[in-house]
Amino acid sequence: KGGDDPTNFVEGAARESHHIQVEAIRQLETCLNAPFRELPHTHGSVPTILKALCDTAIAHATEGNNLLTLASILPLARLSCAVNGQGIMMSRRRLTKIVPSDILSAI
């Protein structure tokens, strides 16, 4: 009857919640990336996506969840400006070279 243990249920629910939150952040990152890549006509959605990522980072920081705060900030950190002043989105690989792999594997 170990499966009926409330502690196991709560831990499982917490893990699942974490995975869902990380996936939501990844989906926002994908949406943020689209106007800079395959869907340039969707640039009008960028402010809304940025606000969602900022709100998510603030919420997780307020809760003290450092991993999800970092996961929320990484997409924002990919934004940059080209020499000509055009907004660009750096590759995730380029940005994550400075973040330790053990932290990346957790998010």
PDB file of N, CA and C in Angstrom:
ATOM      1  N   LYS A   1       0.804  -1.197   0.000  1.00  0.00           N
ATOM      2  CA  LYS A   1       0.000   0.000   0.000  1.00  0.00           C
ATOM      3  C   LYS A   1       0.848   1.264   0.000  1.00  0.00           C
ATOM      4  N   GLY A   2       2.136   1.112  -0.373  1.00  0.00           N
ATOM      5  CA  GLY A   2       3.019   2.271  -0.425  1.00  0.00           C
ATOM      6  C   GLY A   2       2.528   3.325  -1.397  1.00  0.00           C
ATOM      7  N   GLY A   3       1.770   2.927  -2.411  1.00  0.00           N
ATOM      8  CA  GLY A   3       1.255   3.872  -3.384  1.00  0.00           C
ATOM      9  C   GLY A   3       0.171   4.781  -2.809  1.00  0.00           C
ATOM     10  N   ASP A   4      -0.421   4.347  -1.674  1.00  0.00           N
ATOM     11  CA  ASP A   4      -1.470   5.145  -1.047  1.00  0.00           C
ATOM     12  C   ASP A   4      -0.914   6.184  -0.086  1.00  0.00           C
ATOM     13  N   ASP A   5       0.398   6.185   0.104  1.00  0.00           N
ATOM     14  CA  ASP A   5       1.036   7.116   1.037  1.00  0.00           C
ATOM     15  C   ASP A   5       0.828   8.548   0.552  1.00  0.00           C
ATOM     16  N   PRO A   6       0.230   9.414   1.391  1.00  0.00           N
ATOM     17  CA  PRO A   6       0.001  10.807   0.987  1.00  0.00           C
ATOM     18  C   PRO A   6       1.284  11.552   0.639  1.00  0.00           C
ATOM     19  N   THR A   7       2.392  11.188   1.290  1.00  0.00           N
ATOM     20  CA  THR A   7       3.667  11.841   1.010  1.00  0.00           C
ATOM     21  C   THR A   7       4.104  11.557  -0.415  1.00  0.00           C
ATOM     22  N   ASN A   8       3.974  10.301  -0.856  1.00  0.00           N
ATOM     23  CA  ASN A   8       4.327   9.940  -2.231  1.00  0.00           C
ATOM     24  C   ASN A   8       3.454  10.689  -3.228  1.00  0.00           C
ATOM     25  N   PHE A   9       2.184  10.821  -2.905  1.00  0.00           N
ATOM     26  CA  PHE A   9       1.258  11.529  -3.797  1.00  0.00           C
ATOM     27  C   PHE A   9       1.661  13.003  -3.924  1.00  0.00           C
ATOM     28  N   VAL A  10       1.963  13.643  -2.794  1.00  0.00           N
ATOM     29  CA  VAL A  10       2.338  15.057  -2.796  1.00  0.00           C
ATOM     30  C   VAL A  10       3.652  15.264  -3.548  1.00  0.00           C
ATOM     31  N   GLU A  11       4.626  14.391  -3.304  1.00  0.00           N
ATOM     32  CA  GLU A  11       5.913  14.502  -4.006  1.00  0.00           C
ATOM     33  C   GLU A  11       5.727  14.300  -5.505  1.00  0.00           C
ATOM     34  N   GLY A  12       4.906  13.340  -5.880  1.00  0.00           N
ATOM     35  CA  GLY A  12       4.640  13.096  -7.297  1.00  0.00           C
ATOM     36  C   GLY A  12       3.938  14.278  -7.941  1.00  0.00           C
ATOM     37  N   ALA A  13       2.985  14.856  -7.224  1.00  0.00           N
ATOM     38  CA  ALA A  13       2.265  16.021  -7.738  1.00  0.00           C
ATOM     39  C   ALA A  13       3.208  17.217  -7.880  1.00  0.00           C
ATOM     40  N   ALA A  14       4.121  17.385  -6.932  1.00  0.00           N
ATOM     41  CA  ALA A  14       5.085  18.490  -6.994  1.00  0.00           C
ATOM     42  C   ALA A  14       6.018  18.321  -8.190  1.00  0.00           C
ATOM     43  N   ARG A  15       6.476  17.089  -8.429  1.00  0.00           N
ATOM     44  CA  ARG A  15       7.345  16.830  -9.592  1.00  0.00           C
ATOM     45  C   ARG A  15       6.604  17.113 -10.893  1.00  0.00           C
ATOM     46  N   GLU A  16       5.366  16.662 -10.958  1.00  0.00           N
ATOM     47  CA  GLU A  16       4.572  16.873 -12.165  1.00  0.00           C
ATOM     48  C   GLU A  16       4.312  18.360 -12.383  1.00  0.00           C
ATOM     49  N   SER A  17       4.029  19.066 -11.320  1.00  0.00           N
ATOM     50  CA  SER A  17       3.813  20.510 -11.416  1.00  0.00           C
ATOM     51  C   SER A  17       5.069  21.205 -11.927  1.00  0.00           C
ATOM     52  N   HIS A  18       6.233  20.794 -11.428  1.00  0.00           N
ATOM     53  CA  HIS A  18       7.502  21.374 -11.875  1.00  0.00           C
ATOM     54  C   HIS A  18       7.689  21.141 -13.378  1.00  0.00           C
ATOM     55  N   HIS A  19       7.425  19.915 -13.819  1.00  0.00           N
ATOM     56  CA  HIS A  19       7.585  19.594 -15.247  1.00  0.00           C
ATOM     57  C   HIS A  19       6.636  20.415 -16.109  1.00  0.00           C
ATOM     58  N   ILE A  20       5.415  20.604 -15.650  1.00  0.00           N
ATOM     59  CA  ILE A  20       4.443  21.394 -16.406  1.00  0.00           C
ATOM     60  C   ILE A  20       4.885  22.849 -16.467  1.00  0.00           C
ATOM     61  N   GLN A  21       5.383  23.386 -15.360  1.00  0.00           N
ATOM     62  CA  GLN A  21       5.838  24.772 -15.341  1.00  0.00           C
ATOM     63  C   GLN A  21       7.044  24.974 -16.256  1.00  0.00           C
ATOM     64  N   VAL A  22       7.979  24.033 -16.247  1.00  0.00           N
ATOM     65  CA  VAL A  22       9.141  24.124 -17.144  1.00  0.00           C
ATOM     66  C   VAL A  22       8.684  24.062 -18.596  1.00  0.00           C
ATOM     67  N   GLU A  23       7.746  23.182 -18.899  1.00  0.00           N
ATOM     68  CA  GLU A  23       7.243  23.076 -20.276  1.00  0.00           C
ATOM     69  C   GLU A  23       6.530  24.361 -20.698  1.00  0.00           C
ATOM     70  N   ALA A  24       5.794  24.979 -19.800  1.00  0.00           N
ATOM     71  CA  ALA A  24       5.128  26.249 -20.122  1.00  0.00           C
ATOM     72  C   ALA A  24       6.159  27.324 -20.458  1.00  0.00           C
ATOM     73  N   ILE A  25       7.242  27.361 -19.708  1.00  0.00           N
ATOM     74  CA  ILE A  25       8.318  28.321 -19.981  1.00  0.00           C
ATOM     75  C   ILE A  25       8.957  28.027 -21.334  1.00  0.00           C
ATOM     76  N   ARG A  26       9.177  26.754 -21.631  1.00  0.00           N
ATOM     77  CA  ARG A  26       9.748  26.379 -22.938  1.00  0.00           C
ATOM     78  C   ARG A  26       8.832  26.792 -24.087  1.00  0.00           C
ATOM     79  N   GLN A  27       7.540  26.640 -23.887  1.00  0.00           N
ATOM     80  CA  GLN A  27       6.592  27.033 -24.928  1.00  0.00           C
ATOM     81  C   GLN A  27       6.613  28.546 -25.137  1.00  0.00           C
ATOM     82  N   LEU A  28       6.715  29.305 -24.046  1.00  0.00           N
ATOM     83  CA  LEU A  28       6.846  30.759 -24.177  1.00  0.00           C
ATOM     84  C   LEU A  28       8.130  31.117 -24.925  1.00  0.00           C
ATOM     85  N   GLU A  29       9.207  30.394 -24.625  1.00  0.00           N
ATOM     86  CA  GLU A  29      10.470  30.645 -25.321  1.00  0.00           C
ATOM     87  C   GLU A  29      10.332  30.356 -26.815  1.00  0.00           C
ATOM     88  N   THR A  30       9.645  29.297 -27.159  1.00  0.00           N
ATOM     89  CA  THR A  30       9.407  28.958 -28.566  1.00  0.00           C
ATOM     90  C   THR A  30       8.599  30.064 -29.242  1.00  0.00           C
ATOM     91  N   CYS A  31       7.588  30.561 -28.544  1.00  0.00           N
ATOM     92  CA  CYS A  31       6.779  31.656 -29.099  1.00  0.00           C
ATOM     93  C   CYS A  31       7.599  32.924 -29.263  1.00  0.00           C
ATOM     94  N   LEU A  32       8.493  33.191 -28.308  1.00  0.00           N
ATOM     95  CA  LEU A  32       9.348  34.375 -28.401  1.00  0.00           C
ATOM     96  C   LEU A  32      10.327  34.249 -29.558  1.00  0.00           C
ATOM     97  N   ASN A  33      10.792  33.065 -29.813  1.00  0.00           N
ATOM     98  CA  ASN A  33      11.760  32.826 -30.880  1.00  0.00           C
ATOM     99  C   ASN A  33      11.148  32.954 -32.277  1.00  0.00           C
ATOM    100  N   ALA A  34       9.871  32.628 -32.408  1.00  0.00           N
ATOM    101  CA  ALA A  34       9.220  32.579 -33.728  1.00  0.00           C
ATOM    102  C   ALA A  34       9.322  33.887 -34.516  1.00  0.00           C
ATOM    103  N   PRO A  35       9.060  35.055 -33.926  1.00  0.00           N
ATOM    104  CA  PRO A  35       9.157  36.289 -34.725  1.00  0.00           C
ATOM    105  C   PRO A  35      10.567  36.574 -35.249  1.00  0.00           C
ATOM    106  N   PHE A  36      11.572  35.990 -34.622  1.00  0.00           N
ATOM    107  CA  PHE A  36      12.954  36.212 -35.053  1.00  0.00           C
ATOM    108  C   PHE A  36      13.410  35.165 -36.056  1.00  0.00           C
ATOM    109  N   ARG A  37      12.609  34.153 -36.276  1.00  0.00           N
ATOM    110  CA  ARG A  37      12.995  33.064 -37.166  1.00  0.00           C
ATOM    111  C   ARG A  37      11.962  32.852 -38.270  1.00  0.00           C
ATOM    112  N   GLU A  38      11.115  31.864 -38.049  1.00  0.00           N
ATOM    113  CA  GLU A  38      10.230  31.401 -39.114  1.00  0.00           C
ATOM    114  C   GLU A  38       8.945  32.211 -39.274  1.00  0.00           C
ATOM    115  N   LEU A  39       8.585  33.034 -38.309  1.00  0.00           N
ATOM    116  CA  LEU A  39       7.341  33.794 -38.400  1.00  0.00           C
ATOM    117  C   LEU A  39       7.570  35.280 -38.116  1.00  0.00           C
ATOM    118  N   PRO A  40       8.323  35.967 -38.980  1.00  0.00           N
ATOM    119  CA  PRO A  40       8.645  37.372 -38.703  1.00  0.00           C
ATOM    120  C   PRO A  40       7.422  38.289 -38.642  1.00  0.00           C
ATOM    121  N   HIS A  41       6.325  37.885 -39.253  1.00  0.00           N
ATOM    122  CA  HIS A  41       5.114  38.709 -39.240  1.00  0.00           C
ATOM    123  C   HIS A  41       4.411  38.706 -37.882  1.00  0.00           C
ATOM    124  N   THR A  42       4.893  37.894 -36.947  1.00  0.00           N
ATOM    125  CA  THR A  42       4.270  37.809 -35.619  1.00  0.00           C
ATOM    126  C   THR A  42       4.971  38.686 -34.586  1.00  0.00           C
ATOM    127  N   HIS A  43       5.769  39.639 -35.057  1.00  0.00           N
ATOM    128  CA  HIS A  43       6.544  40.468 -34.134  1.00  0.00           C
ATOM    129  C   HIS A  43       5.668  41.255 -33.157  1.00  0.00           C
ATOM    130  N   GLY A  44       4.430  41.485 -33.479  1.00  0.00           N
ATOM    131  CA  GLY A  44       3.528  42.209 -32.594  1.00  0.00           C
ATOM    132  C   GLY A  44       3.238  41.479 -31.291  1.00  0.00           C
ATOM    133  N   SER A  45       3.490  40.176 -31.274  1.00  0.00           N
ATOM    134  CA  SER A  45       3.238  39.378 -30.062  1.00  0.00           C
ATOM    135  C   SER A  45       4.393  39.432 -29.064  1.00  0.00           C
ATOM    136  N   VAL A  46       5.524  39.979 -29.473  1.00  0.00           N
ATOM    137  CA  VAL A  46       6.713  39.979 -28.613  1.00  0.00           C
ATOM    138  C   VAL A  46       6.467  40.658 -27.258  1.00  0.00           C
ATOM    139  N   PRO A  47       5.858  41.845 -27.192  1.00  0.00           N
ATOM    140  CA  PRO A  47       5.646  42.462 -25.876  1.00  0.00           C
ATOM    141  C   PRO A  47       4.810  41.601 -24.919  1.00  0.00           C
ATOM    142  N   THR A  48       3.800  40.928 -25.447  1.00  0.00           N
ATOM    143  CA  THR A  48       2.959  40.075 -24.610  1.00  0.00           C
ATOM    144  C   THR A  48       3.748  38.878 -24.090  1.00  0.00           C
ATOM    145  N   ILE A  49       4.563  38.299 -24.943  1.00  0.00           N
ATOM    146  CA  ILE A  49       5.375  37.148 -24.537  1.00  0.00           C
ATOM    147  C   ILE A  49       6.418  37.582 -23.510  1.00  0.00           C
ATOM    148  N   LEU A  50       7.035  38.736 -23.738  1.00  0.00           N
ATOM    149  CA  LEU A  50       8.013  39.248 -22.770  1.00  0.00           C
ATOM    150  C   LEU A  50       7.367  39.485 -21.412  1.00  0.00           C
ATOM    151  N   LYS A  51       6.172  40.041 -21.412  1.00  0.00           N
ATOM    152  CA  LYS A  51       5.469  40.280 -20.150  1.00  0.00           C
ATOM    153  C   LYS A  51       5.165  38.961 -19.453  1.00  0.00           C
ATOM    154  N   ALA A  52       4.737  37.969 -20.210  1.00  0.00           N
ATOM    155  CA  ALA A  52       4.437  36.661 -19.614  1.00  0.00           C
ATOM    156  C   ALA A  52       5.688  36.053 -18.980  1.00  0.00           C
ATOM    157  N   LEU A  53       6.822  36.136 -19.672  1.00  0.00           N
ATOM    158  CA  LEU A  53       8.069  35.600 -19.114  1.00  0.00           C
ATOM    159  C   LEU A  53       8.506  36.384 -17.876  1.00  0.00           C
ATOM    160  N   CYS A  54       8.377  37.700 -17.923  1.00  0.00           N
ATOM    161  CA  CYS A  54       8.737  38.529 -16.762  1.00  0.00           C
ATOM    162  C   CYS A  54       7.834  38.219 -15.575  1.00  0.00           C
ATOM    163  N   ASP A  55       6.535  38.125 -15.818  1.00  0.00           N
ATOM    164  CA  ASP A  55       5.596  37.798 -14.744  1.00  0.00           C
ATOM    165  C   ASP A  55       5.883  36.425 -14.155  1.00  0.00           C
ATOM    166  N   THR A  56       6.235  35.483 -15.021  1.00  0.00           N
ATOM    167  CA  THR A  56       6.567  34.135 -14.566  1.00  0.00           C
ATOM    168  C   THR A  56       7.825  34.159 -13.705  1.00  0.00           C
ATOM    169  N   ALA A  57       8.845  34.878 -14.157  1.00  0.00           N
ATOM    170  CA  ALA A  57      10.090  34.973 -13.382  1.00  0.00           C
ATOM    171  C   ALA A  57       9.834  35.625 -12.023  1.00  0.00           C
ATOM    172  N   ILE A  58       9.052  36.687 -12.005  1.00  0.00           N
ATOM    173  CA  ILE A  58       8.742  37.374 -10.747  1.00  0.00           C
ATOM    174  C   ILE A  58       7.971  36.452  -9.803  1.00  0.00           C
ATOM    175  N   ALA A  59       7.001  35.738 -10.330  1.00  0.00           N
ATOM    176  CA  ALA A  59       6.208  34.827  -9.494  1.00  0.00           C
ATOM    177  C   ALA A  59       7.086  33.746  -8.879  1.00  0.00           C
ATOM    178  N   HIS A  60       7.973  33.152  -9.681  1.00  0.00           N
ATOM    179  CA  HIS A  60       8.838  32.088  -9.156  1.00  0.00           C
ATOM    180  C   HIS A  60       9.870  32.646  -8.186  1.00  0.00           C
ATOM    181  N   ALA A  61      10.361  33.847  -8.448  1.00  0.00           N
ATOM    182  CA  ALA A  61      11.324  34.474  -7.531  1.00  0.00           C
ATOM    183  C   ALA A  61      10.648  34.775  -6.195  1.00  0.00           C
ATOM    184  N   THR A  62       9.418  35.236  -6.258  1.00  0.00           N
ATOM    185  CA  THR A  62       8.661  35.534  -5.040  1.00  0.00           C
ATOM    186  C   THR A  62       8.446  34.268  -4.208  1.00  0.00           C
ATOM    187  N   GLU A  63       8.234  33.157  -4.901  1.00  0.00           N
ATOM    188  CA  GLU A  63       8.037  31.872  -4.223  1.00  0.00           C
ATOM    189  C   GLU A  63       9.356  31.268  -3.753  1.00  0.00           C
ATOM    190  N   GLY A  64      10.471  31.852  -4.181  1.00  0.00           N
ATOM    191  CA  GLY A  64      11.779  31.322  -3.808  1.00  0.00           C
ATOM    192  C   GLY A  64      12.221  30.139  -4.644  1.00  0.00           C
ATOM    193  N   ASN A  65      11.605  29.952  -5.802  1.00  0.00           N
ATOM    194  CA  ASN A  65      11.956  28.833  -6.673  1.00  0.00           C
ATOM    195  C   ASN A  65      13.021  29.300  -7.669  1.00  0.00           C
ATOM    196  N   ASN A  66      14.281  29.134  -7.273  1.00  0.00           N
ATOM    197  CA  ASN A  66      15.391  29.651  -8.073  1.00  0.00           C
ATOM    198  C   ASN A  66      15.514  28.978  -9.434  1.00  0.00           C
ATOM    199  N   LEU A  67      15.257  27.670  -9.508  1.00  0.00           N
ATOM    200  CA  LEU A  67      15.396  26.973 -10.793  1.00  0.00           C
ATOM    201  C   LEU A  67      14.381  27.480 -11.815  1.00  0.00           C
ATOM    202  N   LEU A  68      13.138  27.631 -11.389  1.00  0.00           N
ATOM    203  CA  LEU A  68      12.124  28.109 -12.334  1.00  0.00           C
ATOM    204  C   LEU A  68      12.312  29.589 -12.636  1.00  0.00           C
ATOM    205  N   THR A  69      12.857  30.338 -11.693  1.00  0.00           N
ATOM    206  CA  THR A  69      13.183  31.740 -11.973  1.00  0.00           C
ATOM    207  C   THR A  69      14.233  31.797 -13.075  1.00  0.00           C
ATOM    208  N   LEU A  70      15.290  30.988 -12.937  1.00  0.00           N
ATOM    209  CA  LEU A  70      16.331  30.934 -13.959  1.00  0.00           C
ATOM    210  C   LEU A  70      15.768  30.474 -15.298  1.00  0.00           C
ATOM    211  N   ALA A  71      14.914  29.465 -15.268  1.00  0.00           N
ATOM    212  CA  ALA A  71      14.310  28.967 -16.511  1.00  0.00           C
ATOM    213  C   ALA A  71      13.508  30.072 -17.201  1.00  0.00           C
ATOM    214  N   SER A  72      12.881  30.946 -16.425  1.00  0.00           N
ATOM    215  CA  SER A  72      12.100  32.040 -16.981  1.00  0.00           C
ATOM    216  C   SER A  72      12.973  33.159 -17.529  1.00  0.00           C
ATOM    217  N   ILE A  73      14.137  33.340 -16.923  1.00  0.00           N
ATOM    218  CA  ILE A  73      15.034  34.428 -17.326  1.00  0.00           C
ATOM    219  C   ILE A  73      15.861  34.064 -18.562  1.00  0.00           C
ATOM    220  N   LEU A  74      16.212  32.805 -18.720  1.00  0.00           N
ATOM    221  CA  LEU A  74      17.061  32.403 -19.853  1.00  0.00           C
ATOM    222  C   LEU A  74      16.512  32.837 -21.213  1.00  0.00           C
ATOM    223  N   PRO A  75      15.205  32.674 -21.494  1.00  0.00           N
ATOM    224  CA  PRO A  75      14.717  33.152 -22.800  1.00  0.00           C
ATOM    225  C   PRO A  75      14.903  34.661 -22.971  1.00  0.00           C
ATOM    226  N   LEU A  76      14.732  35.412 -21.894  1.00  0.00           N
ATOM    227  CA  LEU A  76      14.915  36.860 -21.964  1.00  0.00           C
ATOM    228  C   LEU A  76      16.379  37.204 -22.237  1.00  0.00           C
ATOM    229  N   ALA A  77      17.274  36.422 -21.658  1.00  0.00           N
ATOM    230  CA  ALA A  77      18.705  36.668 -21.837  1.00  0.00           C
ATOM    231  C   ALA A  77      19.162  36.376 -23.265  1.00  0.00           C
ATOM    232  N   ARG A  78      18.379  35.646 -24.026  1.00  0.00           N
ATOM    233  CA  ARG A  78      18.736  35.352 -25.416  1.00  0.00           C
ATOM    234  C   ARG A  78      18.513  36.540 -26.338  1.00  0.00           C
ATOM    235  N   LEU A  79      17.738  37.504 -25.897  1.00  0.00           N
ATOM    236  CA  LEU A  79      17.477  38.679 -26.725  1.00  0.00           C
ATOM    237  C   LEU A  79      18.715  39.556 -26.779  1.00  0.00           C
ATOM    238  N   SER A  80      19.003  40.053 -27.958  1.00  0.00           N
ATOM    239  CA  SER A  80      20.166  40.907 -28.142  1.00  0.00           C
ATOM    240  C   SER A  80      19.876  41.894 -29.263  1.00  0.00           C
ATOM    241  N   CYS A  81      20.857  42.707 -29.558  1.00  0.00           N
ATOM    242  CA  CYS A  81      20.718  43.714 -30.601  1.00  0.00           C
ATOM    243  C   CYS A  81      21.888  43.581 -31.564  1.00  0.00           C
ATOM    244  N   ALA A  82      21.580  43.501 -32.841  1.00  0.00           N
ATOM    245  CA  ALA A  82      22.621  43.408 -33.860  1.00  0.00           C
ATOM    246  C   ALA A  82      23.283  44.772 -34.030  1.00  0.00           C
ATOM    247  N   VAL A  83      24.399  44.785 -34.724  1.00  0.00           N
ATOM    248  CA  VAL A  83      25.134  46.029 -34.975  1.00  0.00           C
ATOM    249  C   VAL A  83      24.256  47.064 -35.674  1.00  0.00           C
ATOM    250  N   ASN A  84      23.354  46.598 -36.518  1.00  0.00           N
ATOM    251  CA  ASN A  84      22.475  47.516 -37.254  1.00  0.00           C
ATOM    252  C   ASN A  84      21.261  47.963 -36.441  1.00  0.00           C
ATOM    253  N   GLY A  85      21.184  47.541 -35.178  1.00  0.00           N
ATOM    254  CA  GLY A  85      20.085  47.938 -34.312  1.00  0.00           C
ATOM    255  C   GLY A  85      18.889  47.008 -34.336  1.00  0.00           C
ATOM    256  N   GLN A  86      18.930  45.999 -35.173  1.00  0.00           N
ATOM    257  CA  GLN A  86      17.828  45.045 -35.278  1.00  0.00           C
ATOM    258  C   GLN A  86      17.861  44.085 -34.093  1.00  0.00           C
ATOM    259  N   GLY A  87      16.686  43.786 -33.561  1.00  0.00           N
ATOM    260  CA  GLY A  87      16.593  42.806 -32.484  1.00  0.00           C
ATOM    261  C   GLY A  87      16.897  41.413 -33.001  1.00  0.00           C
ATOM    262  N   ILE A  88      17.634  40.655 -32.237  1.00  0.00           N
ATOM    263  CA  ILE A  88      17.964  39.281 -32.618  1.00  0.00           C
ATOM    264  C   ILE A  88      17.777  38.365 -31.409  1.00  0.00           C
ATOM    265  N   MET A  89      17.659  37.098 -31.703  1.00  0.00           N
ATOM    266  CA  MET A  89      17.533  36.079 -30.671  1.00  0.00           C
ATOM    267  C   MET A  89      18.738  35.165 -30.794  1.00  0.00           C
ATOM    268  N   MET A  90      19.610  35.216 -29.777  1.00  0.00           N
ATOM    269  CA  MET A  90      20.783  34.342 -29.797  1.00  0.00           C
ATOM    270  C   MET A  90      20.335  32.891 -29.637  1.00  0.00           C
ATOM    271  N   SER A  91      21.170  31.985 -30.106  1.00  0.00           N
ATOM    272  CA  SER A  91      20.831  30.577 -29.959  1.00  0.00           C
ATOM    273  C   SER A  91      20.885  30.192 -28.484  1.00  0.00           C
ATOM    274  N   ARG A  92      20.032  29.280 -28.105  1.00  0.00           N
ATOM    275  CA  ARG A  92      20.015  28.805 -26.716  1.00  0.00           C
ATOM    276  C   ARG A  92      21.355  28.164 -26.375  1.00  0.00           C
ATOM    277  N   ARG A  93      21.930  27.476 -27.332  1.00  0.00           N
ATOM    278  CA  ARG A  93      23.212  26.808 -27.119  1.00  0.00           C
ATOM    279  C   ARG A  93      24.302  27.817 -26.773  1.00  0.00           C
ATOM    280  N   ARG A  94      24.308  28.934 -27.481  1.00  0.00           N
ATOM    281  CA  ARG A  94      25.322  29.967 -27.229  1.00  0.00           C
ATOM    282  C   ARG A  94      25.181  30.550 -25.829  1.00  0.00           C
ATOM    283  N   LEU A  95      23.951  30.806 -25.443  1.00  0.00           N
ATOM    284  CA  LEU A  95      23.704  31.397 -24.134  1.00  0.00           C
ATOM    285  C   LEU A  95      24.002  30.424 -23.006  1.00  0.00           C
ATOM    286  N   THR A  96      23.624  29.193 -23.183  1.00  0.00           N
ATOM    287  CA  THR A  96      23.734  28.237 -22.087  1.00  0.00           C
ATOM    288  C   THR A  96      25.149  27.708 -21.884  1.00  0.00           C
ATOM    289  N   LYS A  97      26.090  28.159 -22.668  1.00  0.00           N
ATOM    290  CA  LYS A  97      27.487  27.769 -22.437  1.00  0.00           C
ATOM    291  C   LYS A  97      27.983  28.293 -21.092  1.00  0.00           C
ATOM    292  N   ILE A  98      27.378  29.374 -20.599  1.00  0.00           N
ATOM    293  CA  ILE A  98      27.835  29.959 -19.348  1.00  0.00           C
ATOM    294  C   ILE A  98      27.062  29.444 -18.131  1.00  0.00           C
ATOM    295  N   VAL A  99      26.013  28.650 -18.373  1.00  0.00           N
ATOM    296  CA  VAL A  99      25.240  28.087 -17.277  1.00  0.00           C
ATOM    297  C   VAL A  99      25.687  26.644 -17.068  1.00  0.00           C
ATOM    298  N   PRO A 100      26.034  26.281 -15.843  1.00  0.00           N
ATOM    299  CA  PRO A 100      26.508  24.911 -15.583  1.00  0.00           C
ATOM    300  C   PRO A 100      25.486  23.875 -16.035  1.00  0.00           C
ATOM    301  N   SER A 101      25.976  22.779 -16.594  1.00  0.00           N
ATOM    302  CA  SER A 101      25.111  21.750 -17.162  1.00  0.00           C
ATOM    303  C   SER A 101      24.216  21.084 -16.108  1.00  0.00           C
ATOM    304  N   ASP A 102      24.678  20.988 -14.857  1.00  0.00           N
ATOM    305  CA  ASP A 102      23.837  20.362 -13.837  1.00  0.00           C
ATOM    306  C   ASP A 102      22.595  21.213 -13.546  1.00  0.00           C
ATOM    307  N   ILE A 103      22.745  22.523 -13.663  1.00  0.00           N
ATOM    308  CA  ILE A 103      21.587  23.402 -13.477  1.00  0.00           C
ATOM    309  C   ILE A 103      20.668  23.289 -14.676  1.00  0.00           C
ATOM    310  N   LEU A 104      21.239  23.284 -15.876  1.00  0.00           N
ATOM    311  CA  LEU A 104      20.416  23.165 -17.091  1.00  0.00           C
ATOM    312  C   LEU A 104      19.632  21.864 -17.116  1.00  0.00           C
ATOM    313  N   SER A 105      20.247  20.793 -16.645  1.00  0.00           N
ATOM    314  CA  SER A 105      19.542  19.507 -16.657  1.00  0.00           C
ATOM    315  C   SER A 105      18.379  19.498 -15.686  1.00  0.00           C
ATOM    316  N   ALA A 106      18.414  20.367 -14.682  1.00  0.00           N
ATOM    317  CA  ALA A 106      17.326  20.434 -13.707  1.00  0.00           C
ATOM    318  C   ALA A 106      16.144  21.263 -14.208  1.00  0.00           C
ATOM    319  N   ILE A 107      16.388  22.085 -15.234  1.00  0.00           N
ATOM    320  CA  ILE A 107      15.286  22.905 -15.747  1.00  0.00           C
ATOM    321  C   ILE A 107      14.910  22.416 -17.090  1.00  0.00           C
TER     322      ILE A 107
END
